[in-house]
Every structure is written in structure tokens, then in C-alpha cells.
Amino acid sequence: MKTIGVIGGMSWESSTEYYRLLNRHAKARLGGHHNARSLMLTVDFASIEADQRAGAWDRLGDQMADAAQRLERGGADIVILATNTMHRVYESVESAIEVPFLHIADPTGAALRAAGIERVGLLGTRYTMEQPFYAGRLRERFGLDTLIPDDDGRRDVHRIIYDELCHGVIDAQSRKVYQQAIDEMASRGAQAVILGCTEITLLIKQEDTSLPVFDTTALHAQAAVDWAIQNR
């Protein structure tokens, strides 16, 4: 199979999930002792998070582009960015490399449309929920109407990601906060919910809500392995 290049470390907690899912899906597809051929470049999330708070997206784009180029030089045949938020600068990554770049929203959007979903709730960082780069892509490419929590809900969802999940803290009370945010979006017509931050999969599972859950981490990893196998 082809080699998957992963830009990780945002946070490393979710990057470990990517590594596990890439290899689990490769084994499911190929059987035996097969693993996913992969490279991971782990960035220092402290500087990334500081630049996010400062709104230094141009600088962040340069950092992500550099990471992608390093993976390409190392032999990656496709590059994925193991975070939803940093797809805010996906154009910088895509234009910096010759190999394909797999946008995290695309396998999620395709899965939602295949399931007949038209209106979906989105959980993620404030950047992902409030800025147009994510919901806009889902609307333009897949015709999806995206709902987000109210302001208090967005504040709590964002805080739990950065203060807890990025540090590996899984709290039952925080799960209830997320469940309340999901229920509120369901009351406004959400037919499903996107776990639109790669750490949220650590906290929310399908059994935690009655809405269908679309986990971007799992869908992204599966799509990368499928590509790597199909193009071998």
C-alpha cells in the first residue's frame, strides 16, 4: 500500500487515535499481520495553540505547509492533517506539496450524504464551529445545513477540548455538557452530530446520544487507508 503522511500533535492524544485507527483499518482491509504504511510528524502544540489564540493563521499555515513538505520528502504518498481546526489553513498545505492532501471534512460530508442527512449539528473548537471554513465546505460540496451550539454551549465545548481532552482528562460531567449541547441542536432539527474535533472521540461515543454520530477522526483515517490501498 501507499504511505500515509500524518501531521500530528494537535493534540498528541488524538494523534494516538489516528495511529490506532489507521492500523486497525488496514488490518481489517488486508488481514493477517498488515499495518498501514505511515509517517507522522508531530508538531509542538504549545506554539500552535498560542498562535490560534493570537489569530496568527498565516504563520500557522506556514508551519503546516512545512510539516507537509517534510512528510513528502520522507516518502509520503498522501498527507492528512490530524486535526479539524487546522484545516482553517488547508490551502497552505495543499499548495505546498505535489502529493494529494485529504481534507478531513470530505469523508465526513460524503458519509452524511450517504446516510441521507441534510441538517447536522457540529461540535468542535470555537474556530471550527464559528468560522466558515468547515461548515462552508460541507454546504458547498455536500449541500449540508450545519447547526452549532448557542454561545454558552460553544464556550463550554471549546473549554473542555483545550483544558481537558487535550490533556487526556475524560470527565463524566463534561460528557453531560456535550450531551446537553447535542440535545439542544437536535431540538432545532439536527438529524446527526459531527464530532468535529479529533479529541471529542475520546469523550463521546455513539452510545452517549440518540443522534447518529459521525466521528471525523475515524472517517478521516479510514478514507486515508482506503486511498492508500486503492492506489498501491
C-alpha atoms as a PDB file:
ATOM      1  CA  MET A   1       0.000   0.000   0.000  1.00  0.00           C
ATOM      2  CA  LYS A   2       0.991   3.638  -0.392  1.00  0.00           C
ATOM      3  CA  THR A   3       2.475   5.599   2.513  1.00  0.00           C
ATOM      4  CA  ILE A   4       0.241   7.935   4.532  1.00  0.00           C
ATOM      5  CA  GLY A   5       1.870  11.051   5.941  1.00  0.00           C
ATOM      6  CA  VAL A   6       0.222  12.378   9.104  1.00  0.00           C
ATOM      7  CA  ILE A   7       0.723  15.866  10.554  1.00  0.00           C
ATOM      8  CA  GLY A   8       0.069  15.141  14.219  1.00  0.00           C
ATOM      9  CA  GLY A   9       0.440  16.530  17.697  1.00  0.00           C
ATOM     10  CA  MET A  10      -2.700  18.715  17.821  1.00  0.00           C
ATOM     11  CA  SER A  11      -3.013  17.171  20.358  1.00  0.00           C
ATOM     12  CA  TRP A  12      -0.926  14.020  20.673  1.00  0.00           C
ATOM     13  CA  GLU A  13      -3.887  12.429  22.481  1.00  0.00           C
ATOM     14  CA  SER A  14      -5.891  12.390  19.263  1.00  0.00           C
ATOM     15  CA  SER A  15      -2.841  11.543  17.147  1.00  0.00           C
ATOM     16  CA  THR A  16      -2.539   8.254  19.034  1.00  0.00           C
ATOM     17  CA  GLU A  17      -6.133   7.560  17.979  1.00  0.00           C
ATOM     18  CA  TYR A  18      -5.182   8.204  14.363  1.00  0.00           C
ATOM     19  CA  TYR A  19      -2.295   5.743  14.583  1.00  0.00           C
ATOM     20  CA  ARG A  20      -4.529   3.087  16.132  1.00  0.00           C
ATOM     21  CA  LEU A  21      -7.332   3.615  13.599  1.00  0.00           C
ATOM     22  CA  LEU A  22      -5.045   3.659  10.567  1.00  0.00           C
ATOM     23  CA  ASN A  23      -3.560   0.308  11.537  1.00  0.00           C
ATOM     24  CA  ARG A  24      -6.863  -1.215  12.619  1.00  0.00           C
ATOM     25  CA  HIS A  25      -8.499  -0.332   9.301  1.00  0.00           C
ATOM     26  CA  ALA A  26      -5.519  -1.593   7.297  1.00  0.00           C
ATOM     27  CA  LYS A  27      -5.709  -4.912   9.138  1.00  0.00           C
ATOM     28  CA  ALA A  28      -9.463  -5.105   8.549  1.00  0.00           C
ATOM     29  CA  ARG A  29      -8.962  -4.472   4.830  1.00  0.00           C
ATOM     30  CA  LEU A  30      -5.878  -6.606   4.238  1.00  0.00           C
ATOM     31  CA  GLY A  31      -5.937  -9.161   7.066  1.00  0.00           C
ATOM     32  CA  GLY A  32      -3.044 -11.074   8.548  1.00  0.00           C
ATOM     33  CA  HIS A  33      -0.229  -9.009  10.019  1.00  0.00           C
ATOM     34  CA  HIS A  34      -0.753  -5.990   7.786  1.00  0.00           C
ATOM     35  CA  ASN A  35      -0.225  -2.473   9.127  1.00  0.00           C
ATOM     36  CA  ALA A  36      -0.820   0.887   7.488  1.00  0.00           C
ATOM     37  CA  ARG A  37       2.379   2.267   5.947  1.00  0.00           C
ATOM     38  CA  SER A  38       2.635   5.673   7.589  1.00  0.00           C
ATOM     39  CA  LEU A  39       4.846   8.532   8.675  1.00  0.00           C
ATOM     40  CA  MET A  40       3.918  11.012  11.399  1.00  0.00           C
ATOM     41  CA  LEU A  41       5.440  14.414  12.018  1.00  0.00           C
ATOM     42  CA  THR A  42       4.412  15.641  15.460  1.00  0.00           C
ATOM     43  CA  VAL A  43       4.370  19.400  15.925  1.00  0.00           C
ATOM     44  CA  ASP A  44       4.668  21.194  19.271  1.00  0.00           C
ATOM     45  CA  PHE A  45       1.071  22.022  20.176  1.00  0.00           C
ATOM     46  CA  ALA A  46       2.075  24.739  22.674  1.00  0.00           C
ATOM     47  CA  SER A  47       3.168  27.094  19.893  1.00  0.00           C
ATOM     48  CA  ILE A  48       0.231  26.086  17.689  1.00  0.00           C
ATOM     49  CA  GLU A  49      -2.312  26.821  20.422  1.00  0.00           C
ATOM     50  CA  ALA A  50      -0.692  30.187  21.181  1.00  0.00           C
ATOM     51  CA  ASP A  51      -0.856  31.193  17.515  1.00  0.00           C
ATOM     52  CA  GLN A  52      -4.501  30.100  17.331  1.00  0.00           C
ATOM     53  CA  ARG A  53      -5.392  32.355  20.260  1.00  0.00           C
ATOM     54  CA  ALA A  54      -3.461  35.198  18.633  1.00  0.00           C
ATOM     55  CA  GLY A  55      -5.226  34.682  15.301  1.00  0.00           C
ATOM     56  CA  ALA A  56      -1.858  34.173  13.569  1.00  0.00           C
ATOM     57  CA  TRP A  57      -3.310  31.959  10.855  1.00  0.00           C
ATOM     58  CA  ASP A  58      -0.738  32.934   8.215  1.00  0.00           C
ATOM     59  CA  ARG A  59       2.061  31.785  10.500  1.00  0.00           C
ATOM     60  CA  LEU A  60       0.152  28.595  11.270  1.00  0.00           C
ATOM     61  CA  GLY A  61      -0.307  27.978   7.554  1.00  0.00           C
ATOM     62  CA  ASP A  62       3.441  28.243   7.052  1.00  0.00           C
ATOM     63  CA  GLN A  63       4.059  25.732   9.850  1.00  0.00           C
ATOM     64  CA  MET A  64       1.572  23.225   8.471  1.00  0.00           C
ATOM     65  CA  ALA A  65       2.970  23.625   4.949  1.00  0.00           C
ATOM     66  CA  ASP A  66       6.487  22.984   6.240  1.00  0.00           C
ATOM     67  CA  ALA A  67       5.322  19.857   8.062  1.00  0.00           C
ATOM     68  CA  ALA A  68       3.601  18.569   4.910  1.00  0.00           C
ATOM     69  CA  GLN A  69       6.713  19.166   2.817  1.00  0.00           C
ATOM     70  CA  ARG A  70       8.842  17.261   5.325  1.00  0.00           C
ATOM     71  CA  LEU A  71       6.460  14.311   5.110  1.00  0.00           C
ATOM     72  CA  GLU A  72       6.510  14.413   1.316  1.00  0.00           C
ATOM     73  CA  ARG A  73      10.311  14.429   1.293  1.00  0.00           C
ATOM     74  CA  GLY A  74      10.215  11.496   3.707  1.00  0.00           C
ATOM     75  CA  GLY A  75       8.207   9.405   1.248  1.00  0.00           C
ATOM     76  CA  ALA A  76       4.550  10.149   1.980  1.00  0.00           C
ATOM     77  CA  ASP A  77       2.244   9.477  -0.984  1.00  0.00           C
ATOM     78  CA  ILE A  78      -0.696  11.303   0.614  1.00  0.00           C
ATOM     79  CA  VAL A  79      -0.860  13.777   3.503  1.00  0.00           C
ATOM     80  CA  ILE A  80      -3.517  14.136   6.181  1.00  0.00           C
ATOM     81  CA  LEU A  81      -3.774  16.773   8.889  1.00  0.00           C
ATOM     82  CA  ALA A  82      -4.846  15.094  12.147  1.00  0.00           C
ATOM     83  CA  THR A  83      -6.977  17.977  13.399  1.00  0.00           C
ATOM     84  CA  ASN A  84     -10.168  19.695  12.289  1.00  0.00           C
ATOM     85  CA  THR A  85      -9.277  23.201  13.453  1.00  0.00           C
ATOM     86  CA  MET A  86      -6.065  23.470  11.468  1.00  0.00           C
ATOM     87  CA  HIS A  87      -7.967  22.830   8.242  1.00  0.00           C
ATOM     88  CA  ARG A  88      -8.545  26.559   8.565  1.00  0.00           C
ATOM     89  CA  VAL A  89      -5.214  26.736   6.637  1.00  0.00           C
ATOM     90  CA  TYR A  90      -5.699  23.746   4.346  1.00  0.00           C
ATOM     91  CA  GLU A  91      -4.976  25.824   1.230  1.00  0.00           C
ATOM     92  CA  SER A  92      -1.438  26.463   2.513  1.00  0.00           C
ATOM     93  CA  VAL A  93      -0.866  22.732   2.942  1.00  0.00           C
ATOM     94  CA  GLU A  94      -2.443  21.693  -0.343  1.00  0.00           C
ATOM     95  CA  SER A  95      -0.473  24.219  -2.384  1.00  0.00           C
ATOM     96  CA  ALA A  96       2.851  23.319  -0.728  1.00  0.00           C
ATOM     97  CA  ILE A  97       3.010  19.667  -1.827  1.00  0.00           C
ATOM     98  CA  GLU A  98       2.732  17.614  -5.000  1.00  0.00           C
ATOM     99  CA  VAL A  99       1.082  14.567  -3.411  1.00  0.00           C
ATOM    100  CA  PRO A 100      -2.659  14.544  -2.615  1.00  0.00           C
ATOM    101  CA  PHE A 101      -3.999  16.165   0.541  1.00  0.00           C
ATOM    102  CA  LEU A 102      -7.128  14.580   2.053  1.00  0.00           C
ATOM    103  CA  HIS A 103      -9.382  17.198   3.677  1.00  0.00           C
ATOM    104  CA  ILE A 104     -10.991  15.940   6.893  1.00  0.00           C
ATOM    105  CA  ALA A 105     -14.431  17.352   6.058  1.00  0.00           C
ATOM    106  CA  ASP A 106     -14.758  15.426   2.791  1.00  0.00           C
ATOM    107  CA  PRO A 107     -15.137  11.832   4.058  1.00  0.00           C
ATOM    108  CA  THR A 108     -17.434  13.167   6.776  1.00  0.00           C
ATOM    109  CA  GLY A 109     -19.600  15.028   4.279  1.00  0.00           C
ATOM    110  CA  ALA A 110     -19.749  12.012   1.988  1.00  0.00           C
ATOM    111  CA  ALA A 111     -20.783   9.737   4.863  1.00  0.00           C
ATOM    112  CA  LEU A 112     -23.502  12.156   5.953  1.00  0.00           C
ATOM    113  CA  ARG A 113     -24.951  12.403   2.450  1.00  0.00           C
ATOM    114  CA  ALA A 114     -24.830   8.623   2.037  1.00  0.00           C
ATOM    115  CA  ALA A 115     -26.864   8.348   5.246  1.00  0.00           C
ATOM    116  CA  GLY A 116     -29.475  10.780   3.917  1.00  0.00           C
ATOM    117  CA  ILE A 117     -28.612  13.514   6.435  1.00  0.00           C
ATOM    118  CA  GLU A 118     -29.417  17.093   5.422  1.00  0.00           C
ATOM    119  CA  ARG A 119     -29.095  19.038   8.691  1.00  0.00           C
ATOM    120  CA  VAL A 120     -26.290  18.192  11.119  1.00  0.00           C
ATOM    121  CA  GLY A 121     -25.012  19.503  14.442  1.00  0.00           C
ATOM    122  CA  LEU A 122     -21.329  20.367  14.697  1.00  0.00           C
ATOM    123  CA  LEU A 123     -19.169  20.146  17.828  1.00  0.00           C
ATOM    124  CA  GLY A 124     -15.597  21.381  17.749  1.00  0.00           C
ATOM    125  CA  THR A 125     -13.348  24.200  18.825  1.00  0.00           C
ATOM    126  CA  ARG A 126     -14.705  27.735  18.609  1.00  0.00           C
ATOM    127  CA  TYR A 127     -12.624  28.185  15.462  1.00  0.00           C
ATOM    128  CA  THR A 128     -14.253  25.209  13.758  1.00  0.00           C
ATOM    129  CA  MET A 129     -17.770  25.995  14.927  1.00  0.00           C
ATOM    130  CA  GLU A 130     -17.753  29.753  14.348  1.00  0.00           C
ATOM    131  CA  GLN A 131     -15.505  30.335  11.338  1.00  0.00           C
ATOM    132  CA  PRO A 132     -16.828  29.485   7.854  1.00  0.00           C
ATOM    133  CA  PHE A 133     -14.030  27.218   6.614  1.00  0.00           C
ATOM    134  CA  TYR A 134     -15.645  23.998   7.851  1.00  0.00           C
ATOM    135  CA  ALA A 135     -19.402  24.471   7.646  1.00  0.00           C
ATOM    136  CA  GLY A 136     -18.885  26.303   4.360  1.00  0.00           C
ATOM    137  CA  ARG A 137     -17.150  23.321   2.802  1.00  0.00           C
ATOM    138  CA  LEU A 138     -19.898  20.983   3.995  1.00  0.00           C
ATOM    139  CA  ARG A 139     -22.511  23.289   2.491  1.00  0.00           C
ATOM    140  CA  GLU A 140     -20.764  23.948  -0.817  1.00  0.00           C
ATOM    141  CA  ARG A 141     -19.583  20.395  -1.525  1.00  0.00           C
ATOM    142  CA  PHE A 142     -22.285  18.304   0.126  1.00  0.00           C
ATOM    143  CA  GLY A 143     -25.313  20.573   0.489  1.00  0.00           C
ATOM    144  CA  LEU A 144     -25.397  20.180   4.266  1.00  0.00           C
ATOM    145  CA  ASP A 145     -27.033  22.619   6.651  1.00  0.00           C
ATOM    146  CA  THR A 146     -24.866  22.851   9.782  1.00  0.00           C
ATOM    147  CA  LEU A 147     -26.049  23.840  13.263  1.00  0.00           C
ATOM    148  CA  ILE A 148     -23.791  24.798  16.175  1.00  0.00           C
ATOM    149  CA  PRO A 149     -24.497  25.177  19.906  1.00  0.00           C
ATOM    150  CA  ASP A 150     -25.511  28.507  21.412  1.00  0.00           C
ATOM    151  CA  ASP A 151     -22.812  30.841  22.722  1.00  0.00           C
ATOM    152  CA  ASP A 152     -22.643  29.285  26.188  1.00  0.00           C
ATOM    153  CA  GLY A 153     -22.535  25.831  24.638  1.00  0.00           C
ATOM    154  CA  ARG A 154     -19.747  26.786  22.270  1.00  0.00           C
ATOM    155  CA  ARG A 155     -17.750  28.255  25.145  1.00  0.00           C
ATOM    156  CA  ASP A 156     -18.083  25.072  27.204  1.00  0.00           C
ATOM    157  CA  VAL A 157     -17.363  22.708  24.308  1.00  0.00           C
ATOM    158  CA  HIS A 158     -14.222  24.692  23.408  1.00  0.00           C
ATOM    159  CA  ARG A 159     -13.012  24.874  27.018  1.00  0.00           C
ATOM    160  CA  ILE A 160     -13.390  21.145  27.570  1.00  0.00           C
ATOM    161  CA  ILE A 161     -11.369  20.383  24.448  1.00  0.00           C
ATOM    162  CA  TYR A 162      -8.392  22.546  25.385  1.00  0.00           C
ATOM    163  CA  ASP A 163      -8.443  22.270  29.175  1.00  0.00           C
ATOM    164  CA  GLU A 164      -9.356  18.592  29.467  1.00  0.00           C
ATOM    165  CA  LEU A 165      -9.335  16.419  26.356  1.00  0.00           C
ATOM    166  CA  CYS A 166      -6.009  17.714  25.011  1.00  0.00           C
ATOM    167  CA  HIS A 167      -4.524  16.638  28.350  1.00  0.00           C
ATOM    168  CA  GLY A 168      -6.178  13.220  28.332  1.00  0.00           C
ATOM    169  CA  VAL A 169      -8.738  14.176  31.006  1.00  0.00           C
ATOM    170  CA  ILE A 170     -12.066  12.373  30.498  1.00  0.00           C
ATOM    171  CA  ASP A 171     -14.734  13.727  32.851  1.00  0.00           C
ATOM    172  CA  ALA A 172     -18.286  12.407  33.227  1.00  0.00           C
ATOM    173  CA  GLN A 173     -19.664  15.877  33.925  1.00  0.00           C
ATOM    174  CA  SER A 174     -18.096  17.182  30.730  1.00  0.00           C
ATOM    175  CA  ARG A 175     -19.777  14.351  28.848  1.00  0.00           C
ATOM    176  CA  LYS A 176     -23.103  15.615  30.177  1.00  0.00           C
ATOM    177  CA  VAL A 177     -22.262  19.119  28.920  1.00  0.00           C
ATOM    178  CA  TYR A 178     -21.675  17.710  25.446  1.00  0.00           C
ATOM    179  CA  GLN A 179     -24.849  15.652  25.619  1.00  0.00           C
ATOM    180  CA  GLN A 180     -26.822  18.768  26.509  1.00  0.00           C
ATOM    181  CA  ALA A 181     -25.300  20.611  23.538  1.00  0.00           C
ATOM    182  CA  ILE A 182     -26.244  17.723  21.242  1.00  0.00           C
ATOM    183  CA  ASP A 183     -29.798  17.599  22.618  1.00  0.00           C
ATOM    184  CA  GLU A 184     -30.170  21.346  22.092  1.00  0.00           C
ATOM    185  CA  MET A 185     -29.122  21.062  18.447  1.00  0.00           C
ATOM    186  CA  ALA A 186     -31.461  18.102  17.998  1.00  0.00           C
ATOM    187  CA  SER A 187     -34.326  20.287  19.238  1.00  0.00           C
ATOM    188  CA  ARG A 188     -33.523  22.662  16.347  1.00  0.00           C
ATOM    189  CA  GLY A 189     -33.635  19.923  13.760  1.00  0.00           C
ATOM    190  CA  ALA A 190     -30.187  18.306  13.740  1.00  0.00           C
ATOM    191  CA  GLN A 191     -30.512  14.778  12.365  1.00  0.00           C
ATOM    192  CA  ALA A 192     -26.981  13.754  13.371  1.00  0.00           C
ATOM    193  CA  VAL A 193     -23.902  15.179  15.088  1.00  0.00           C
ATOM    194  CA  ILE A 194     -20.361  15.649  13.793  1.00  0.00           C
ATOM    195  CA  LEU A 195     -17.568  15.120  16.304  1.00  0.00           C
ATOM    196  CA  GLY A 196     -15.678  17.939  14.617  1.00  0.00           C
ATOM    197  CA  CYS A 197     -12.613  17.908  16.820  1.00  0.00           C
ATOM    198  CA  THR A 198     -10.306  14.912  16.815  1.00  0.00           C
ATOM    199  CA  GLU A 199     -10.233  14.835  20.636  1.00  0.00           C
ATOM    200  CA  ILE A 200     -14.017  14.590  21.064  1.00  0.00           C
ATOM    201  CA  THR A 201     -13.947  10.912  20.126  1.00  0.00           C
ATOM    202  CA  LEU A 202     -12.194  10.369  23.466  1.00  0.00           C
ATOM    203  CA  LEU A 203     -15.304  11.624  25.303  1.00  0.00           C
ATOM    204  CA  ILE A 204     -18.392  10.982  23.170  1.00  0.00           C
ATOM    205  CA  LYS A 205     -19.349   7.623  21.676  1.00  0.00           C
ATOM    206  CA  GLN A 206     -22.454   6.528  19.805  1.00  0.00           C
ATOM    207  CA  GLU A 207     -23.979   5.117  22.995  1.00  0.00           C
ATOM    208  CA  ASP A 208     -23.855   8.576  24.598  1.00  0.00           C
ATOM    209  CA  THR A 209     -26.511  10.100  22.325  1.00  0.00           C
ATOM    210  CA  SER A 210     -29.598   9.109  20.387  1.00  0.00           C
ATOM    211  CA  LEU A 211     -28.428  11.072  17.327  1.00  0.00           C
ATOM    212  CA  PRO A 212     -26.225   9.270  14.796  1.00  0.00           C
ATOM    213  CA  VAL A 213     -22.589  10.167  15.494  1.00  0.00           C
ATOM    214  CA  PHE A 214     -20.154  10.954  12.677  1.00  0.00           C
ATOM    215  CA  ASP A 215     -16.635  10.796  14.074  1.00  0.00           C
ATOM    216  CA  THR A 216     -14.259  12.801  11.866  1.00  0.00           C
ATOM    217  CA  THR A 217     -11.182  11.046  13.281  1.00  0.00           C
ATOM    218  CA  ALA A 218     -12.414   7.583  12.351  1.00  0.00           C
ATOM    219  CA  LEU A 219     -13.798   8.638   8.961  1.00  0.00           C
ATOM    220  CA  HIS A 220     -10.612  10.521   8.039  1.00  0.00           C
ATOM    221  CA  ALA A 221      -8.342   7.626   8.997  1.00  0.00           C
ATOM    222  CA  GLN A 222     -10.497   5.123   7.114  1.00  0.00           C
ATOM    223  CA  ALA A 223     -10.524   7.278   3.978  1.00  0.00           C
ATOM    224  CA  ALA A 224      -6.741   7.622   4.080  1.00  0.00           C
ATOM    225  CA  VAL A 225      -6.236   3.856   4.321  1.00  0.00           C
ATOM    226  CA  ASP A 226      -8.774   3.210   1.568  1.00  0.00           C
ATOM    227  CA  TRP A 227      -6.889   5.620  -0.701  1.00  0.00           C
ATOM    228  CA  ALA A 228      -3.526   4.064   0.155  1.00  0.00           C
ATOM    229  CA  ILE A 229      -4.796   0.565  -0.671  1.00  0.00           C
ATOM    230  CA  GLN A 230      -6.679   1.522  -3.830  1.00  0.00           C
ATOM    231  CA  ASN A 231      -3.659   3.382  -5.250  1.00  0.00           C
ATOM    232  CA  ARG A 232      -0.997   0.796  -4.385  1.00  0.00           C
END
